[in-house]
């Protein structure tokens, strides 16, 4: 049987400020990385057979 999922802890003070700064300014991604992600997506799409 699976363990219950715990609640996500709340961040306060400097931890909250650092987290907000990190998510508001993501690191830029190179064109090579974007292309690699596109290729991986296409591979996964080609082998999946989900029926909605």
C-alpha atoms as a PDB file:
ATOM      1  CA  UNK A   1       0.000   0.000   0.000  1.00  0.00           C
ATOM      2  CA  UNK A   2       1.287   3.467  -0.859  1.00  0.00           C
ATOM      3  CA  UNK A   3       2.340   5.947   1.771  1.00  0.00           C
ATOM      4  CA  UNK A   4       0.194   9.083   2.065  1.00  0.00           C
ATOM      5  CA  UNK A   5       1.600  12.240   0.475  1.00  0.00           C
ATOM      6  CA  UNK A   6       2.712  14.785   3.061  1.00  0.00           C
ATOM      7  CA  UNK A   7       1.684  18.411   2.833  1.00  0.00           C
ATOM      8  CA  UNK A   8       4.124  20.750   1.105  1.00  0.00           C
ATOM      9  CA  UNK A   9       5.934  22.885   3.681  1.00  0.00           C
ATOM     10  CA  UNK A  10       5.526  26.647   3.472  1.00  0.00           C
ATOM     11  CA  UNK A  11       8.586  28.807   2.903  1.00  0.00           C
ATOM     12  CA  UNK A  12       9.259  31.911   4.960  1.00  0.00           C
ATOM     13  CA  UNK A  13      11.843  34.682   5.035  1.00  0.00           C
ATOM     14  CA  UNK A  14      14.986  34.366   2.968  1.00  0.00           C
ATOM     15  CA  UNK A  15      14.046  30.889   1.730  1.00  0.00           C
ATOM     16  CA  UNK A  16      10.801  32.236   0.256  1.00  0.00           C
ATOM     17  CA  UNK A  17      12.580  35.211  -1.325  1.00  0.00           C
ATOM     18  CA  UNK A  18      15.235  32.950  -2.882  1.00  0.00           C
ATOM     19  CA  UNK A  19      12.610  30.528  -4.218  1.00  0.00           C
ATOM     20  CA  UNK A  20      10.569  33.328  -5.770  1.00  0.00           C
ATOM     21  CA  UNK A  21      13.674  34.845  -7.366  1.00  0.00           C
ATOM     22  CA  UNK A  22      14.719  31.466  -8.806  1.00  0.00           C
ATOM     23  CA  UNK A  23      11.330  30.683 -10.363  1.00  0.00           C
ATOM     24  CA  UNK A  24      10.798  34.205 -11.718  1.00  0.00           C
ATOM     25  CA  UNK A  25      14.144  34.252 -13.574  1.00  0.00           C
ATOM     26  CA  UNK A  26      14.663  30.866 -15.247  1.00  0.00           C
ATOM     27  CA  UNK A  27      18.016  30.097 -16.863  1.00  0.00           C
ATOM     28  CA  UNK A  28      18.030  30.515 -20.641  1.00  0.00           C
ATOM     29  CA  UNK A  29      18.056  27.318 -22.679  1.00  0.00           C
ATOM     30  CA  UNK A  30      20.279  26.917 -25.723  1.00  0.00           C
ATOM     31  CA  UNK A  31      18.888  26.068 -29.157  1.00  0.00           C
ATOM     32  CA  UNK A  32      20.686  22.712 -28.964  1.00  0.00           C
ATOM     33  CA  UNK A  33      18.882  21.870 -25.729  1.00  0.00           C
ATOM     34  CA  UNK A  34      15.533  22.885 -27.243  1.00  0.00           C
ATOM     35  CA  UNK A  35      16.162  20.695 -30.283  1.00  0.00           C
ATOM     36  CA  UNK A  36      17.150  17.759 -28.073  1.00  0.00           C
ATOM     37  CA  UNK A  37      13.914  18.153 -26.114  1.00  0.00           C
ATOM     38  CA  UNK A  38      11.867  18.342 -29.336  1.00  0.00           C
ATOM     39  CA  UNK A  39      13.468  15.141 -30.622  1.00  0.00           C
ATOM     40  CA  UNK A  40      12.829  13.352 -27.329  1.00  0.00           C
ATOM     41  CA  UNK A  41       9.199  14.528 -27.445  1.00  0.00           C
ATOM     42  CA  UNK A  42       8.769  13.258 -30.998  1.00  0.00           C
ATOM     43  CA  UNK A  43      10.219   9.864 -30.067  1.00  0.00           C
ATOM     44  CA  UNK A  44       7.888   9.533 -27.089  1.00  0.00           C
ATOM     45  CA  UNK A  45       4.932  10.660 -29.199  1.00  0.00           C
ATOM     46  CA  UNK A  46       5.731   8.103 -31.887  1.00  0.00           C
ATOM     47  CA  UNK A  47       5.890   5.148 -29.477  1.00  0.00           C
ATOM     48  CA  UNK A  48       2.891   6.064 -27.349  1.00  0.00           C
ATOM     49  CA  UNK A  49      -0.588   4.899 -28.254  1.00  0.00           C
ATOM     50  CA  UNK A  50      -2.886   6.662 -25.854  1.00  0.00           C
ATOM     51  CA  UNK A  51      -6.510   6.671 -26.829  1.00  0.00           C
ATOM     52  CA  UNK A  52      -8.589   9.497 -25.389  1.00  0.00           C
END
